[in-house]
Amino acid sequence: MGIAILIILSPIGLILPELLKAGGAWGEWGADEIEKIAGYVPHGLKKLSELWKAPIPDYAFSGWDKGVKSYIGYIFSGIIGAALVIGVSMLIGKIFAGKNGNS
């Protein structure tokens, strides 16, 4: 139930910064945005930022980065992420429950 509420509330992270002209959501900055904020990019962050590329950058699908489609892409990205978290959590739970049940 709690995860469902968070999924429903997740578009607030997209809508509020846009309404308030606040830029990106707090903590979702890339290395270039951190350089603007702090004046430099720590060496470790530069190194790690090249290691990982987001599977759905900016929560938008190709061609869906404008208008209402951007909100739909954001929500769909959230659903995909939540489904993955729930699935992995259930899998881990079953693995550990199986180990405890056999002892």
Protein backbone atom coordinates (compact mmCIF):
# COMPACT_ATOMS: atom_id res chain seq x y z
CA MET A 1 0.00 0.00 0.00
CA GLY A 2 2.84 2.36 0.89
CA ILE A 3 4.60 1.78 -2.43
CA ALA A 4 1.32 2.41 -4.28
CA ILE A 5 0.95 5.77 -2.51
CA LEU A 6 4.53 6.70 -3.41
CA ILE A 7 3.91 5.76 -7.06
CA ILE A 8 0.83 7.97 -7.14
CA LEU A 9 2.72 10.87 -5.53
CA SER A 10 5.86 10.51 -7.69
CA PRO A 11 4.76 12.94 -10.43
CA ILE A 12 4.99 15.71 -7.83
CA GLY A 13 8.77 15.46 -8.27
CA LEU A 14 8.33 16.47 -11.91
CA ILE A 15 5.46 18.92 -11.61
CA LEU A 16 6.57 21.07 -8.65
CA PRO A 17 10.08 21.94 -9.89
CA GLU A 18 8.60 22.92 -13.25
CA LEU A 19 5.85 25.04 -11.68
CA LEU A 20 8.33 26.73 -9.36
CA LYS A 21 11.02 27.06 -12.07
CA ALA A 22 13.40 25.32 -9.68
CA GLY A 23 15.35 23.22 -12.19
CA GLY A 24 15.89 19.54 -11.51
CA ALA A 25 14.68 17.67 -8.47
CA TRP A 26 17.01 17.78 -5.47
CA GLY A 27 19.73 15.16 -5.73
CA GLU A 28 19.07 14.23 -9.36
CA TRP A 29 21.88 16.38 -10.67
CA GLY A 30 24.40 15.27 -13.22
CA ALA A 31 28.07 16.20 -13.06
CA ASP A 32 27.45 19.32 -15.17
CA GLU A 33 24.75 20.58 -12.80
CA ILE A 34 26.94 19.92 -9.76
CA GLU A 35 29.69 21.95 -11.39
CA LYS A 36 27.25 24.86 -11.78
CA ILE A 37 26.15 24.57 -8.15
CA ALA A 38 29.48 23.87 -6.42
CA GLY A 39 31.93 25.32 -8.93
CA TYR A 40 33.73 22.00 -9.44
CA VAL A 41 33.09 18.28 -9.82
CA PRO A 42 34.81 15.92 -7.37
CA HIS A 43 37.22 13.50 -9.08
CA GLY A 44 35.38 10.39 -7.81
CA LEU A 45 32.06 11.69 -9.14
CA LYS A 46 33.56 12.32 -12.58
CA LYS A 47 34.93 8.79 -12.61
CA LEU A 48 31.66 7.17 -11.48
CA SER A 49 29.43 9.29 -13.72
CA GLU A 50 31.06 7.72 -16.77
CA LEU A 51 30.51 4.21 -15.39
CA TRP A 52 26.69 4.21 -15.36
CA LYS A 53 24.25 5.35 -18.01
CA ALA A 54 20.56 5.52 -17.10
CA PRO A 55 18.37 3.02 -18.98
CA ILE A 56 15.68 5.71 -19.38
CA PRO A 57 17.55 9.06 -19.25
CA ASP A 58 15.59 11.94 -17.70
CA TYR A 59 12.63 9.56 -17.26
CA ALA A 60 11.68 10.21 -20.89
CA PHE A 61 11.42 7.95 -23.87
CA SER A 62 12.81 9.08 -27.21
CA GLY A 63 10.45 11.69 -28.65
CA TRP A 64 8.44 11.89 -25.41
CA ASP A 65 10.36 14.75 -23.82
CA LYS A 66 7.83 17.55 -24.43
CA GLY A 67 4.40 18.36 -23.01
CA VAL A 68 1.97 15.77 -21.69
CA LYS A 69 4.01 12.90 -23.12
CA SER A 70 6.86 13.80 -20.75
CA TYR A 71 4.53 13.29 -17.76
CA ILE A 72 3.35 9.95 -19.14
CA GLY A 73 6.94 8.86 -19.67
CA TYR A 74 7.81 9.93 -16.12
CA ILE A 75 4.92 7.94 -14.65
CA PHE A 76 5.69 4.91 -16.82
CA SER A 77 9.35 5.06 -15.74
CA GLY A 78 8.22 5.13 -12.12
CA ILE A 79 5.98 2.11 -12.65
CA ILE A 80 8.84 0.19 -14.28
CA GLY A 81 11.18 1.10 -11.41
CA ALA A 82 8.63 0.21 -8.73
CA ALA A 83 7.86 -3.11 -10.43
CA LEU A 84 11.57 -3.95 -10.51
CA VAL A 85 12.01 -3.04 -6.83
CA ILE A 86 8.95 -5.06 -5.80
CA GLY A 87 10.00 -8.02 -7.95
CA VAL A 88 13.57 -8.10 -6.65
CA SER A 89 12.34 -7.68 -3.05
CA MET A 90 9.91 -10.57 -3.44
CA LEU A 91 12.61 -12.74 -5.00
CA ILE A 92 15.04 -11.99 -2.17
CA GLY A 93 12.27 -12.66 0.35
CA LYS A 94 11.54 -16.05 -1.20
CA ILE A 95 15.22 -16.97 -1.24
CA PHE A 96 15.64 -16.14 2.45
CA ALA A 97 12.29 -17.69 3.42
CA GLY A 98 13.33 -20.90 1.65
CA LYS A 99 16.63 -21.01 3.56
CA ASN A 100 14.91 -20.47 6.92
CA GLY A 101 12.20 -23.06 6.17
CA ASN A 102 14.69 -25.81 5.37
CA SER A 103 16.82 -25.47 8.52
